[in-house]
């Protein structure tokens, strides 16, 4: 069976020919819908695709807090309290200065 014979056996289209084919208006509408769908997808995925701040930036953002609050904030950032900061966190020793605190937090964050 040839292509022409197959087409001859098909029933006639029920839609007018103008509707059955895509014109420039339909193509333009489909392109606009595609652009809107892409924009919506980008807006939905933006929070998932954005870069998270590094641990270093999060630790540095705790500057200016009181020492006890800063130790607690660093423990939350790291997910645990580094061993050298435990005495200061429980009040058994004075809190280290800011530079020492950052050095301990960043060193412990990298290794473990």
N, C-alpha and C. Protein backbone atom coordinates (compact mmCIF):
# COMPACT_ATOMS: atom_id res chain seq x y z
N UNK A 1 0.85 -1.16 0.00
CA UNK A 1 0.00 0.00 0.00
C UNK A 1 0.90 1.24 0.00
N UNK A 2 0.61 2.12 -0.88
CA UNK A 2 1.41 3.34 -1.00
C UNK A 2 0.84 4.40 -0.05
N UNK A 3 1.59 5.45 0.08
CA UNK A 3 1.16 6.55 0.95
C UNK A 3 -0.13 7.19 0.44
N UNK A 4 -0.25 7.36 -0.85
CA UNK A 4 -1.45 7.97 -1.41
C UNK A 4 -2.68 7.11 -1.19
N UNK A 5 -2.53 5.80 -1.32
CA UNK A 5 -3.66 4.89 -1.08
C UNK A 5 -4.08 4.95 0.40
N UNK A 6 -3.09 5.01 1.29
CA UNK A 6 -3.39 5.09 2.71
C UNK A 6 -4.14 6.37 3.03
N UNK A 7 -3.70 7.48 2.49
CA UNK A 7 -4.38 8.76 2.72
C UNK A 7 -5.78 8.77 2.13
N UNK A 8 -5.98 8.10 1.04
CA UNK A 8 -7.31 8.05 0.41
C UNK A 8 -8.29 7.25 1.26
N UNK A 9 -7.78 6.26 2.01
CA UNK A 9 -8.66 5.44 2.84
C UNK A 9 -9.01 6.10 4.17
N UNK A 10 -8.26 7.11 4.57
CA UNK A 10 -8.55 7.79 5.83
C UNK A 10 -9.81 8.61 5.68
N UNK A 11 -10.51 8.75 6.78
CA UNK A 11 -11.71 9.58 6.74
C UNK A 11 -11.31 11.05 6.64
N UNK A 12 -12.15 11.89 6.10
CA UNK A 12 -11.79 13.29 5.93
C UNK A 12 -11.64 13.98 7.28
N UNK A 13 -10.77 15.00 7.36
CA UNK A 13 -10.62 15.71 8.65
C UNK A 13 -11.91 16.41 9.04
N UNK A 14 -12.18 16.44 10.33
CA UNK A 14 -13.41 17.06 10.82
C UNK A 14 -13.22 18.54 11.12
N UNK A 15 -12.00 18.99 11.21
CA UNK A 15 -11.72 20.39 11.48
C UNK A 15 -11.51 21.13 10.16
N UNK A 16 -11.83 22.41 10.15
CA UNK A 16 -11.48 23.17 8.95
C UNK A 16 -9.97 23.20 8.76
N UNK A 17 -9.54 23.32 7.56
CA UNK A 17 -8.11 23.26 7.24
C UNK A 17 -7.34 24.36 7.94
N UNK A 18 -7.94 25.55 8.14
CA UNK A 18 -7.25 26.65 8.81
C UNK A 18 -6.93 26.31 10.27
N UNK A 19 -7.78 25.53 10.90
CA UNK A 19 -7.55 25.16 12.29
C UNK A 19 -6.58 23.98 12.39
N UNK A 20 -6.59 23.11 11.45
CA UNK A 20 -5.75 21.92 11.49
C UNK A 20 -4.28 22.24 11.30
N UNK A 21 -3.96 23.37 10.68
CA UNK A 21 -2.56 23.74 10.47
C UNK A 21 -2.20 24.91 11.39
N UNK A 22 -0.93 24.98 11.73
CA UNK A 22 -0.46 26.06 12.58
C UNK A 22 -0.09 27.27 11.74
N UNK A 23 -0.66 28.39 12.12
CA UNK A 23 -0.31 29.64 11.46
C UNK A 23 0.69 30.41 12.31
N UNK A 24 1.06 31.59 11.89
CA UNK A 24 2.05 32.37 12.62
C UNK A 24 1.52 32.81 13.98
N UNK A 25 0.21 33.03 14.10
CA UNK A 25 -0.36 33.43 15.39
C UNK A 25 -0.27 32.29 16.40
N UNK A 26 -0.58 31.09 15.94
CA UNK A 26 -0.51 29.94 16.85
C UNK A 26 0.93 29.66 17.28
N UNK A 27 1.85 29.78 16.33
CA UNK A 27 3.26 29.56 16.66
C UNK A 27 3.74 30.61 17.65
N UNK A 28 3.33 31.87 17.45
CA UNK A 28 3.70 32.93 18.38
C UNK A 28 3.10 32.69 19.76
N UNK A 29 1.85 32.24 19.82
CA UNK A 29 1.20 31.94 21.11
C UNK A 29 1.91 30.78 21.81
N UNK A 30 2.28 29.75 21.06
CA UNK A 30 2.99 28.62 21.66
C UNK A 30 4.37 29.04 22.18
N UNK A 31 5.05 29.91 21.45
CA UNK A 31 6.34 30.41 21.91
C UNK A 31 6.18 31.22 23.18
N UNK A 32 5.14 32.05 23.26
CA UNK A 32 4.90 32.84 24.46
C UNK A 32 4.57 31.95 25.65
N UNK A 33 3.78 30.93 25.43
CA UNK A 33 3.46 29.99 26.51
C UNK A 33 4.72 29.27 26.97
N UNK A 34 5.59 28.90 26.03
CA UNK A 34 6.86 28.25 26.39
C UNK A 34 7.75 29.17 27.20
N UNK A 35 7.81 30.45 26.82
CA UNK A 35 8.62 31.40 27.58
C UNK A 35 8.06 31.60 28.99
N UNK A 36 6.75 31.69 29.11
CA UNK A 36 6.15 31.83 30.43
C UNK A 36 6.38 30.60 31.30
N UNK A 37 6.29 29.42 30.68
CA UNK A 37 6.56 28.19 31.43
C UNK A 37 8.01 28.14 31.89
N UNK A 38 8.94 28.57 31.04
CA UNK A 38 10.35 28.60 31.42
C UNK A 38 10.61 29.59 32.53
N UNK A 39 9.97 30.76 32.46
CA UNK A 39 10.11 31.76 33.52
C UNK A 39 9.58 31.23 34.84
N UNK A 40 8.43 30.59 34.79
CA UNK A 40 7.85 30.03 36.01
C UNK A 40 8.76 28.94 36.59
N UNK A 41 9.31 28.09 35.73
CA UNK A 41 10.22 27.04 36.21
C UNK A 41 11.48 27.65 36.82
N UNK A 42 12.00 28.71 36.22
CA UNK A 42 13.19 29.37 36.76
C UNK A 42 12.90 29.99 38.12
N UNK A 43 11.73 30.59 38.28
CA UNK A 43 11.38 31.18 39.57
C UNK A 43 11.20 30.12 40.65
N UNK A 44 10.63 29.00 40.28
CA UNK A 44 10.42 27.92 41.25
C UNK A 44 11.75 27.28 41.65
N UNK A 45 12.67 27.14 40.70
CA UNK A 45 13.94 26.45 40.97
C UNK A 45 15.02 27.37 41.52
N UNK A 46 14.81 28.69 41.51
CA UNK A 46 15.84 29.62 41.98
C UNK A 46 16.29 29.33 43.41
N UNK A 47 15.40 29.12 44.37
CA UNK A 47 15.89 28.83 45.74
C UNK A 47 16.68 27.54 45.83
N UNK A 48 16.35 26.57 45.00
CA UNK A 48 17.06 25.30 45.05
C UNK A 48 18.44 25.37 44.39
N UNK A 49 18.60 26.27 43.44
CA UNK A 49 19.83 26.34 42.68
C UNK A 49 20.80 27.42 43.18
N UNK A 50 20.40 28.23 44.13
CA UNK A 50 21.27 29.31 44.59
C UNK A 50 22.41 28.74 45.45
N UNK A 51 23.51 29.44 45.45
CA UNK A 51 24.66 29.00 46.24
C UNK A 51 24.43 29.31 47.70
N UNK A 52 24.80 28.39 48.52
CA UNK A 52 24.69 28.60 49.96
C UNK A 52 25.97 29.25 50.45
N UNK A 53 25.88 30.08 51.48
CA UNK A 53 27.11 30.69 52.00
C UNK A 53 28.03 29.62 52.59
N UNK A 54 29.32 29.85 52.49
CA UNK A 54 30.29 28.89 53.00
C UNK A 54 30.31 28.94 54.53
N UNK A 55 30.92 27.93 55.10
CA UNK A 55 31.05 27.91 56.56
C UNK A 55 31.87 29.09 57.05
N UNK A 56 32.88 29.44 56.28
CA UNK A 56 33.74 30.57 56.65
C UNK A 56 32.91 31.85 56.71
N UNK A 57 32.05 32.07 55.73
CA UNK A 57 31.20 33.27 55.72
C UNK A 57 30.20 33.24 56.87
N UNK A 58 29.66 32.07 57.16
CA UNK A 58 28.70 31.96 58.27
C UNK A 58 29.37 32.22 59.62
N UNK A 59 30.59 31.70 59.78
CA UNK A 59 31.32 31.93 61.04
C UNK A 59 31.68 33.40 61.17
N UNK A 60 32.12 34.01 60.08
CA UNK A 60 32.47 35.43 60.14
C UNK A 60 31.24 36.30 60.38
N UNK A 61 30.09 35.84 60.00
CA UNK A 61 28.86 36.62 60.22
C UNK A 61 28.49 36.67 61.70
N UNK A 62 29.10 35.82 62.53
CA UNK A 62 28.80 35.84 63.95
C UNK A 62 29.62 36.88 64.71
N UNK A 63 30.48 37.59 64.02
CA UNK A 63 31.26 38.64 64.68
C UNK A 63 30.31 39.68 65.28
N UNK A 64 30.68 40.15 66.43
CA UNK A 64 29.86 41.16 67.10
C UNK A 64 28.91 40.58 68.13
N UNK A 65 28.71 39.26 68.11
CA UNK A 65 27.87 38.63 69.13
C UNK A 65 28.66 38.50 70.43
N UNK A 66 27.97 38.44 71.55
CA UNK A 66 28.68 38.14 72.80
C UNK A 66 29.36 36.78 72.69
N UNK A 67 30.48 36.58 73.39
CA UNK A 67 31.25 35.34 73.22
C UNK A 67 30.44 34.06 73.43
N UNK A 68 29.58 34.02 74.44
CA UNK A 68 28.80 32.80 74.69
C UNK A 68 27.82 32.53 73.55
N UNK A 69 27.19 33.59 73.06
CA UNK A 69 26.24 33.45 71.95
C UNK A 69 26.99 33.06 70.67
N UNK A 70 28.18 33.59 70.51
CA UNK A 70 28.96 33.29 69.31
C UNK A 70 29.39 31.83 69.31
N UNK A 71 29.79 31.31 70.46
CA UNK A 71 30.17 29.90 70.54
C UNK A 71 28.97 29.01 70.21
N UNK A 72 27.81 29.37 70.72
CA UNK A 72 26.60 28.61 70.43
C UNK A 72 26.26 28.68 68.94
N UNK A 73 26.38 29.86 68.34
CA UNK A 73 26.10 30.02 66.91
C UNK A 73 27.07 29.19 66.07
N UNK A 74 28.34 29.18 66.45
CA UNK A 74 29.34 28.39 65.71
C UNK A 74 29.04 26.91 65.84
N UNK A 75 28.62 26.48 67.03
CA UNK A 75 28.26 25.07 67.21
C UNK A 75 27.07 24.70 66.32
N UNK A 76 26.12 25.60 66.16
CA UNK A 76 24.98 25.32 65.28
C UNK A 76 25.42 25.27 63.82
N UNK A 77 26.32 26.14 63.43
CA UNK A 77 26.80 26.16 62.05
C UNK A 77 27.55 24.88 61.73
N UNK A 78 28.43 24.45 62.65
CA UNK A 78 29.25 23.26 62.41
C UNK A 78 28.49 21.97 62.65
N UNK A 79 27.40 22.03 63.39
CA UNK A 79 26.65 20.82 63.70
C UNK A 79 27.14 20.12 64.96
N UNK A 80 28.15 20.65 65.58
CA UNK A 80 28.68 20.11 66.84
C UNK A 80 29.58 21.18 67.46
N UNK A 81 29.89 21.00 68.70
CA UNK A 81 30.75 21.94 69.41
C UNK A 81 32.19 21.44 69.35
N UNK A 82 33.10 22.19 68.75
CA UNK A 82 34.50 21.74 68.69
C UNK A 82 35.07 21.55 70.09
N UNK A 83 35.89 20.57 70.23
CA UNK A 83 36.47 20.20 71.53
C UNK A 83 37.16 21.36 72.24
N UNK A 84 37.99 22.19 71.58
CA UNK A 84 38.65 23.29 72.29
C UNK A 84 37.68 24.35 72.82
N UNK A 85 36.45 24.39 72.30
CA UNK A 85 35.50 25.41 72.75
C UNK A 85 34.57 24.91 73.86
N UNK A 86 34.65 23.64 74.20
CA UNK A 86 33.74 23.09 75.21
C UNK A 86 33.89 23.74 76.59
N UNK A 87 35.11 23.93 77.09
CA UNK A 87 35.21 24.57 78.41
C UNK A 87 34.62 25.98 78.41
N UNK A 88 34.84 26.74 77.36
CA UNK A 88 34.30 28.10 77.30
C UNK A 88 32.78 28.07 77.17
N UNK A 89 32.25 27.10 76.47
CA UNK A 89 30.80 27.02 76.28
C UNK A 89 30.09 26.70 77.60
N UNK A 90 30.73 25.91 78.46
CA UNK A 90 30.10 25.53 79.73
C UNK A 90 30.53 26.41 80.89
N UNK A 91 31.30 27.46 80.61
CA UNK A 91 31.68 28.42 81.64
C UNK A 91 32.86 28.00 82.48
N UNK A 92 33.55 26.93 82.13
CA UNK A 92 34.69 26.48 82.90
C UNK A 92 35.95 27.26 82.56
N UNK A 93 35.96 27.96 81.44
CA UNK A 93 37.12 28.74 81.02
C UNK A 93 36.60 30.00 80.33
N UNK A 94 37.43 31.04 80.29
CA UNK A 94 36.98 32.25 79.58
C UNK A 94 36.92 31.99 78.07
N UNK A 95 36.05 32.71 77.41
CA UNK A 95 35.91 32.55 75.96
C UNK A 95 37.15 33.09 75.25
N UNK A 96 37.63 32.40 74.23
CA UNK A 96 38.80 32.88 73.49
C UNK A 96 38.45 34.15 72.71
N UNK A 97 39.49 34.85 72.28
CA UNK A 97 39.26 36.07 71.50
C UNK A 97 38.70 35.69 70.13
N UNK A 98 38.26 36.70 69.38
CA UNK A 98 37.57 36.46 68.11
C UNK A 98 38.43 35.72 67.10
N UNK A 99 39.69 36.10 66.96
CA UNK A 99 40.56 35.45 65.98
C UNK A 99 40.79 33.98 66.33
N UNK A 100 41.00 33.69 67.58
CA UNK A 100 41.20 32.30 68.02
C UNK A 100 39.93 31.49 67.82
N UNK A 101 38.81 32.09 68.14
CA UNK A 101 37.53 31.41 67.98
C UNK A 101 37.28 31.05 66.51
N UNK A 102 37.55 31.98 65.61
CA UNK A 102 37.38 31.69 64.18
C UNK A 102 38.36 30.63 63.71
N UNK A 103 39.60 30.71 64.17
CA UNK A 103 40.60 29.73 63.75
C UNK A 103 40.19 28.32 64.20
N UNK A 104 39.73 28.21 65.43
CA UNK A 104 39.30 26.90 65.94
C UNK A 104 38.10 26.39 65.14
N UNK A 105 37.14 27.25 64.93
CA UNK A 105 35.92 26.84 64.23
C UNK A 105 36.21 26.43 62.79
N UNK A 106 37.03 27.18 62.10
CA UNK A 106 37.30 26.87 60.70
C UNK A 106 38.22 25.67 60.55
N UNK A 107 39.17 25.51 61.47
CA UNK A 107 40.03 24.35 61.42
C UNK A 107 39.25 23.08 61.71
N UNK A 108 38.41 23.10 62.70
CA UNK A 108 37.63 21.94 63.06
C UNK A 108 36.57 21.64 62.01
N UNK A 109 36.04 22.66 61.36
CA UNK A 109 35.04 22.46 60.33
C UNK A 109 35.59 21.77 59.10
N UNK A 110 36.85 22.05 58.76
CA UNK A 110 37.47 21.43 57.59
C UNK A 110 37.78 19.97 57.83
N UNK A 111 38.30 19.66 59.00
CA UNK A 111 38.77 18.29 59.25
C UNK A 111 37.65 17.32 59.55
N UNK A 112 36.59 17.80 60.15
CA UNK A 112 35.69 16.77 60.60
C UNK A 112 34.30 16.96 60.28
